[in-house]
């Protein structure tokens, strides 16, 4: 059983910063990808940033230059540093990880609310 536990969300004023953390535990296997998605109220869940093992990071145009994804493979943890936050960044943020262990498996975190006030 694999669990992803997120932390770091909250309420912040526009222009502020937050750092999200997502840690995986359990029978994990080999990490392939670690990513962050977000879902504003009434809208679809969209990719924010992605890191593929052994490759560089990719992020959505809307967050380029403001958000930074990083990972600690030894801790099976992914981070999202969010700077210069805007009200339109408000959403529930979900981490997603893919591992290979007797096949490829994808897992989601429980979600953490980020609210940016104007």
N, C-alpha and C. Protein backbone atom coordinates (compact mmCIF):
# COMPACT_ATOMS: atom_id res chain seq x y z
N UNK A 1 0.85 -1.20 0.00
CA UNK A 1 0.00 0.00 0.00
C UNK A 1 0.87 1.24 0.00
N UNK A 2 0.60 2.18 -0.91
CA UNK A 2 1.36 3.41 -1.00
C UNK A 2 0.48 4.57 -0.59
N UNK A 3 1.02 5.45 0.21
CA UNK A 3 0.30 6.67 0.62
C UNK A 3 1.12 7.89 0.29
N UNK A 4 0.45 8.93 -0.22
CA UNK A 4 1.07 10.23 -0.43
C UNK A 4 0.43 11.20 0.55
N UNK A 5 1.25 11.87 1.32
CA UNK A 5 0.74 12.81 2.31
C UNK A 5 1.26 14.20 1.97
N UNK A 6 0.32 15.13 1.77
CA UNK A 6 0.66 16.50 1.41
C UNK A 6 0.58 17.40 2.62
N UNK A 7 1.36 18.47 2.57
CA UNK A 7 1.29 19.49 3.60
C UNK A 7 1.76 20.82 3.01
N UNK A 8 1.47 21.91 3.72
CA UNK A 8 2.00 23.20 3.34
C UNK A 8 1.01 24.18 2.76
N UNK A 9 -0.22 23.76 2.51
CA UNK A 9 -1.20 24.70 1.98
C UNK A 9 -1.64 25.70 3.04
N UNK A 10 -2.45 26.67 2.60
CA UNK A 10 -2.95 27.65 3.55
C UNK A 10 -3.42 28.90 2.86
N UNK A 11 -3.59 29.94 3.65
CA UNK A 11 -4.06 31.25 3.18
C UNK A 11 -2.89 32.21 3.15
N UNK A 12 -2.73 32.91 2.02
CA UNK A 12 -1.63 33.85 1.89
C UNK A 12 -2.11 35.04 1.07
N UNK A 13 -1.50 36.18 1.28
CA UNK A 13 -1.84 37.36 0.50
C UNK A 13 -1.15 37.31 -0.87
N UNK A 14 -1.73 37.98 -1.82
CA UNK A 14 -1.13 38.08 -3.14
C UNK A 14 0.30 38.60 -3.02
N UNK A 15 1.20 37.99 -3.79
CA UNK A 15 2.61 38.33 -3.72
C UNK A 15 3.40 37.50 -2.75
N UNK A 16 2.70 36.74 -1.92
CA UNK A 16 3.36 35.91 -0.92
C UNK A 16 3.84 34.58 -1.47
N UNK A 17 4.33 33.74 -0.56
CA UNK A 17 4.91 32.45 -0.95
C UNK A 17 4.38 31.34 -0.06
N UNK A 18 4.33 30.15 -0.63
CA UNK A 18 4.04 28.93 0.11
C UNK A 18 4.90 27.81 -0.45
N UNK A 19 5.17 26.82 0.37
CA UNK A 19 5.91 25.64 -0.08
C UNK A 19 5.09 24.40 0.24
N UNK A 20 4.73 23.66 -0.78
CA UNK A 20 4.00 22.42 -0.60
C UNK A 20 4.97 21.25 -0.57
N UNK A 21 4.64 20.26 0.25
CA UNK A 21 5.44 19.05 0.38
C UNK A 21 4.54 17.84 0.21
N UNK A 22 5.04 16.84 -0.48
CA UNK A 22 4.31 15.58 -0.65
C UNK A 22 5.29 14.44 -0.45
N UNK A 23 5.02 13.61 0.55
CA UNK A 23 5.91 12.50 0.88
C UNK A 23 5.19 11.17 0.65
N UNK A 24 5.89 10.26 -0.01
CA UNK A 24 5.34 8.93 -0.28
C UNK A 24 5.87 7.93 0.72
N UNK A 25 5.02 7.00 1.12
CA UNK A 25 5.44 5.93 2.02
C UNK A 25 4.77 4.63 1.60
N UNK A 26 5.35 3.52 2.05
CA UNK A 26 4.79 2.22 1.72
C UNK A 26 5.68 1.46 0.76
N UNK A 27 5.10 0.48 0.08
CA UNK A 27 5.84 -0.36 -0.87
C UNK A 27 5.94 0.36 -2.21
N UNK A 28 6.90 1.26 -2.31
CA UNK A 28 6.92 2.25 -3.38
C UNK A 28 7.46 1.72 -4.70
N UNK A 29 8.61 1.15 -4.72
CA UNK A 29 9.24 0.74 -5.97
C UNK A 29 10.12 1.85 -6.52
N UNK A 30 10.33 1.86 -7.83
CA UNK A 30 11.20 2.83 -8.49
C UNK A 30 10.38 4.02 -8.98
N UNK A 31 10.81 5.22 -8.61
CA UNK A 31 10.07 6.42 -8.99
C UNK A 31 10.26 6.74 -10.47
N UNK A 32 9.18 7.12 -11.14
CA UNK A 32 9.24 7.54 -12.53
C UNK A 32 8.99 9.04 -12.62
N UNK A 33 7.82 9.46 -12.20
CA UNK A 33 7.46 10.87 -12.27
C UNK A 33 6.92 11.34 -10.94
N UNK A 34 7.13 12.63 -10.67
CA UNK A 34 6.51 13.31 -9.54
C UNK A 34 5.94 14.61 -10.08
N UNK A 35 4.72 14.92 -9.71
CA UNK A 35 4.06 16.07 -10.31
C UNK A 35 3.09 16.72 -9.33
N UNK A 36 2.75 17.96 -9.66
CA UNK A 36 1.72 18.69 -8.93
C UNK A 36 0.62 19.10 -9.91
N UNK A 37 -0.61 18.94 -9.49
CA UNK A 37 -1.79 19.39 -10.23
C UNK A 37 -2.58 20.33 -9.33
N UNK A 38 -3.48 21.09 -9.94
CA UNK A 38 -4.38 21.91 -9.13
C UNK A 38 -5.76 21.93 -9.75
N UNK A 39 -6.75 22.13 -8.87
CA UNK A 39 -8.14 22.13 -9.31
C UNK A 39 -8.89 23.26 -8.61
N UNK A 40 -9.16 24.35 -9.34
CA UNK A 40 -9.98 25.43 -8.78
C UNK A 40 -11.43 24.96 -8.65
N UNK A 41 -12.23 25.62 -7.84
CA UNK A 41 -13.63 25.22 -7.66
C UNK A 41 -14.39 25.22 -8.98
N UNK A 42 -15.07 24.12 -9.28
CA UNK A 42 -15.88 24.02 -10.48
C UNK A 42 -15.11 23.85 -11.77
N UNK A 43 -13.80 23.65 -11.67
CA UNK A 43 -12.98 23.51 -12.88
C UNK A 43 -12.26 22.17 -12.88
N UNK A 44 -11.63 21.84 -14.00
CA UNK A 44 -10.93 20.58 -14.10
C UNK A 44 -9.57 20.64 -13.41
N UNK A 45 -9.02 19.46 -13.15
CA UNK A 45 -7.70 19.37 -12.55
C UNK A 45 -6.66 19.49 -13.65
N UNK A 46 -5.73 20.41 -13.49
CA UNK A 46 -4.71 20.67 -14.50
C UNK A 46 -3.31 20.48 -13.95
N UNK A 47 -2.39 20.12 -14.82
CA UNK A 47 -1.00 19.94 -14.45
C UNK A 47 -0.35 21.29 -14.16
N UNK A 48 0.37 21.37 -13.06
CA UNK A 48 1.11 22.58 -12.70
C UNK A 48 2.59 22.40 -13.02
N UNK A 49 3.18 21.31 -12.56
CA UNK A 49 4.61 21.07 -12.76
C UNK A 49 4.89 19.58 -12.67
N UNK A 50 5.94 19.16 -13.38
CA UNK A 50 6.23 17.74 -13.50
C UNK A 50 7.73 17.52 -13.52
N UNK A 51 8.17 16.48 -12.81
CA UNK A 51 9.57 16.07 -12.90
C UNK A 51 9.61 14.59 -13.24
N UNK A 52 10.31 14.26 -14.31
CA UNK A 52 10.54 12.87 -14.69
C UNK A 52 11.93 12.49 -14.21
N UNK A 53 12.04 11.31 -13.63
CA UNK A 53 13.31 10.86 -13.09
C UNK A 53 14.39 10.92 -14.16
N UNK A 54 15.50 11.61 -13.85
CA UNK A 54 16.60 11.71 -14.79
C UNK A 54 16.44 12.77 -15.84
N UNK A 55 15.38 13.56 -15.78
CA UNK A 55 15.14 14.61 -16.76
C UNK A 55 14.86 15.93 -16.05
N UNK A 56 14.80 17.00 -16.83
CA UNK A 56 14.55 18.30 -16.24
C UNK A 56 13.06 18.48 -15.96
N UNK A 57 12.74 19.52 -15.23
CA UNK A 57 11.36 19.78 -14.85
C UNK A 57 10.61 20.52 -15.96
N UNK A 58 9.32 20.36 -15.96
CA UNK A 58 8.44 21.10 -16.87
C UNK A 58 7.32 21.71 -16.04
N UNK A 59 6.87 22.91 -16.45
CA UNK A 59 5.76 23.50 -15.73
C UNK A 59 4.82 24.22 -16.69
N UNK A 60 3.63 24.52 -16.19
CA UNK A 60 2.64 25.20 -16.99
C UNK A 60 3.07 26.65 -17.23
N UNK A 61 2.66 27.21 -18.37
CA UNK A 61 3.02 28.59 -18.71
C UNK A 61 2.56 29.57 -17.63
N UNK A 62 1.43 29.29 -17.01
CA UNK A 62 0.87 30.22 -16.04
C UNK A 62 1.70 30.34 -14.77
N UNK A 63 2.61 29.39 -14.53
CA UNK A 63 3.40 29.43 -13.30
C UNK A 63 4.89 29.56 -13.56
N UNK A 64 5.29 29.56 -14.82
CA UNK A 64 6.71 29.65 -15.16
C UNK A 64 7.32 30.91 -14.57
N UNK A 65 8.45 30.73 -13.89
CA UNK A 65 9.13 31.85 -13.27
C UNK A 65 8.66 32.15 -11.86
N UNK A 66 7.55 31.53 -11.46
CA UNK A 66 7.02 31.78 -10.10
C UNK A 66 7.02 30.51 -9.24
N UNK A 67 6.76 29.36 -9.86
CA UNK A 67 6.72 28.10 -9.12
C UNK A 67 7.94 27.25 -9.49
N UNK A 68 8.45 26.52 -8.52
CA UNK A 68 9.59 25.63 -8.77
C UNK A 68 9.30 24.26 -8.15
N UNK A 69 9.37 23.23 -8.96
CA UNK A 69 9.21 21.86 -8.47
C UNK A 69 10.58 21.27 -8.22
N UNK A 70 10.69 20.51 -7.14
CA UNK A 70 11.94 19.82 -6.84
C UNK A 70 11.60 18.50 -6.15
N UNK A 71 12.57 17.62 -6.10
CA UNK A 71 12.31 16.32 -5.51
C UNK A 71 13.53 15.85 -4.74
N UNK A 72 13.28 15.03 -3.73
CA UNK A 72 14.31 14.37 -2.96
C UNK A 72 14.06 12.88 -3.11
N UNK A 73 14.82 12.25 -3.99
CA UNK A 73 14.58 10.84 -4.30
C UNK A 73 14.81 9.95 -3.08
N UNK A 74 15.78 10.31 -2.26
CA UNK A 74 16.09 9.49 -1.09
C UNK A 74 14.92 9.46 -0.11
N UNK A 75 14.13 10.55 -0.10
CA UNK A 75 13.00 10.65 0.81
C UNK A 75 11.68 10.41 0.11
N UNK A 76 11.72 10.12 -1.20
CA UNK A 76 10.48 9.96 -1.99
C UNK A 76 9.53 11.12 -1.75
N UNK A 77 10.09 12.31 -1.85
CA UNK A 77 9.34 13.53 -1.55
C UNK A 77 9.46 14.51 -2.71
N UNK A 78 8.36 15.19 -2.99
CA UNK A 78 8.35 16.23 -4.01
C UNK A 78 7.87 17.53 -3.37
N UNK A 79 8.44 18.62 -3.81
CA UNK A 79 8.12 19.94 -3.27
C UNK A 79 7.62 20.84 -4.39
N UNK A 80 6.84 21.84 -3.99
CA UNK A 80 6.45 22.89 -4.92
C UNK A 80 6.61 24.22 -4.20
N UNK A 81 7.64 24.96 -4.59
CA UNK A 81 7.85 26.29 -4.05
C UNK A 81 7.05 27.27 -4.90
N UNK A 82 6.14 27.99 -4.27
CA UNK A 82 5.26 28.91 -4.99
C UNK A 82 5.54 30.33 -4.51
N UNK A 83 6.04 31.15 -5.40
CA UNK A 83 6.35 32.55 -5.10
C UNK A 83 5.47 33.47 -5.95
N UNK A 84 5.42 34.72 -5.54
CA UNK A 84 4.63 35.72 -6.26
C UNK A 84 3.22 35.21 -6.55
N UNK A 85 2.59 34.68 -5.52
CA UNK A 85 1.28 34.08 -5.69
C UNK A 85 0.22 35.10 -6.08
N UNK A 86 -0.72 34.64 -6.91
CA UNK A 86 -1.81 35.48 -7.40
C UNK A 86 -3.14 34.86 -6.97
N UNK A 87 -4.20 35.66 -6.88
CA UNK A 87 -5.51 35.09 -6.51
C UNK A 87 -5.93 33.94 -7.42
N UNK A 88 -5.56 34.01 -8.69
CA UNK A 88 -5.94 32.94 -9.63
C UNK A 88 -5.18 31.64 -9.39
N UNK A 89 -4.20 31.66 -8.49
CA UNK A 89 -3.53 30.42 -8.11
C UNK A 89 -4.32 29.64 -7.05
N UNK A 90 -5.38 30.24 -6.53
CA UNK A 90 -6.18 29.57 -5.51
C UNK A 90 -6.80 28.30 -6.07
N UNK A 91 -6.61 27.20 -5.36
CA UNK A 91 -7.10 25.90 -5.82
C UNK A 91 -6.76 24.85 -4.77
N UNK A 92 -7.28 23.65 -4.98
CA UNK A 92 -6.79 22.49 -4.23
C UNK A 92 -5.63 21.91 -5.04
N UNK A 93 -4.51 21.75 -4.40
CA UNK A 93 -3.31 21.24 -5.06
C UNK A 93 -3.13 19.76 -4.69
N UNK A 94 -2.89 18.96 -5.72
CA UNK A 94 -2.71 17.52 -5.54
C UNK A 94 -1.34 17.10 -6.06
N UNK A 95 -0.66 16.24 -5.32
CA UNK A 95 0.56 15.65 -5.85
C UNK A 95 0.20 14.31 -6.50
N UNK A 96 1.02 13.94 -7.46
CA UNK A 96 0.84 12.69 -8.19
C UNK A 96 2.21 12.06 -8.41
N UNK A 97 2.31 10.79 -8.13
CA UNK A 97 3.58 10.09 -8.33
C UNK A 97 3.34 8.78 -9.06
N UNK A 98 4.27 8.43 -9.94
CA UNK A 98 4.23 7.15 -10.64
C UNK A 98 5.46 6.33 -10.24
N UNK A 99 5.20 5.07 -9.93
CA UNK A 99 6.27 4.17 -9.55
C UNK A 99 6.15 2.88 -10.34
N UNK A 100 7.29 2.21 -10.48
CA UNK A 100 7.29 0.88 -11.08
C UNK A 100 7.60 -0.14 -9.99
N UNK A 101 6.65 -1.03 -9.77
CA UNK A 101 6.84 -2.15 -8.85
C UNK A 101 5.82 -3.19 -9.26
N UNK A 102 6.30 -4.24 -9.95
CA UNK A 102 5.39 -5.23 -10.52
C UNK A 102 4.38 -4.50 -11.42
N UNK A 103 4.89 -3.64 -12.27
CA UNK A 103 4.04 -2.84 -13.15
C UNK A 103 4.09 -1.38 -12.74
N UNK A 104 3.52 -0.52 -13.61
CA UNK A 104 3.53 0.92 -13.32
C UNK A 104 2.24 1.29 -12.58
N UNK A 105 2.41 2.10 -11.53
CA UNK A 105 1.27 2.50 -10.72
C UNK A 105 1.33 3.99 -10.45
N UNK A 106 0.19 4.65 -10.47
CA UNK A 106 0.11 6.08 -10.18
C UNK A 106 -0.71 6.29 -8.91
N UNK A 107 -0.28 7.27 -8.13
CA UNK A 107 -0.93 7.55 -6.85
C UNK A 107 -1.17 9.05 -6.72
N UNK A 108 -2.24 9.39 -5.98
CA UNK A 108 -2.59 10.78 -5.72
C UNK A 108 -2.54 11.09 -4.23
N UNK A 109 -2.13 12.31 -3.91
CA UNK A 109 -2.25 12.79 -2.55
C UNK A 109 -3.69 13.18 -2.26
N UNK A 110 -3.94 13.56 -1.01
CA UNK A 110 -5.30 13.87 -0.59
C UNK A 110 -5.74 15.27 -0.97
N UNK A 111 -4.79 16.09 -1.38
CA UNK A 111 -5.09 17.47 -1.76
C UNK A 111 -4.87 18.42 -0.60
N UNK A 112 -4.39 19.61 -0.92
CA UNK A 112 -4.21 20.65 0.09
C UNK A 112 -4.69 21.98 -0.49
N UNK A 113 -5.45 22.71 0.29
CA UNK A 113 -6.06 23.95 -0.19
C UNK A 113 -5.06 25.10 -0.14
N UNK A 114 -4.96 25.81 -1.24
CA UNK A 114 -4.18 27.05 -1.31
C UNK A 114 -5.13 28.18 -1.66
N UNK A 115 -5.18 29.20 -0.81
CA UNK A 115 -6.05 30.34 -1.05
C UNK A 115 -5.20 31.61 -1.02
N UNK A 116 -5.29 32.38 -2.11
CA UNK A 116 -4.52 33.61 -2.23
C UNK A 116 -5.50 34.78 -2.23
N UNK A 117 -5.38 35.63 -1.25
CA UNK A 117 -6.28 36.78 -1.14
C UNK A 117 -5.68 37.99 -1.85
N UNK A 118 -6.56 38.81 -2.38
CA UNK A 118 -6.10 39.98 -3.13
C UNK A 118 -5.93 41.18 -2.22
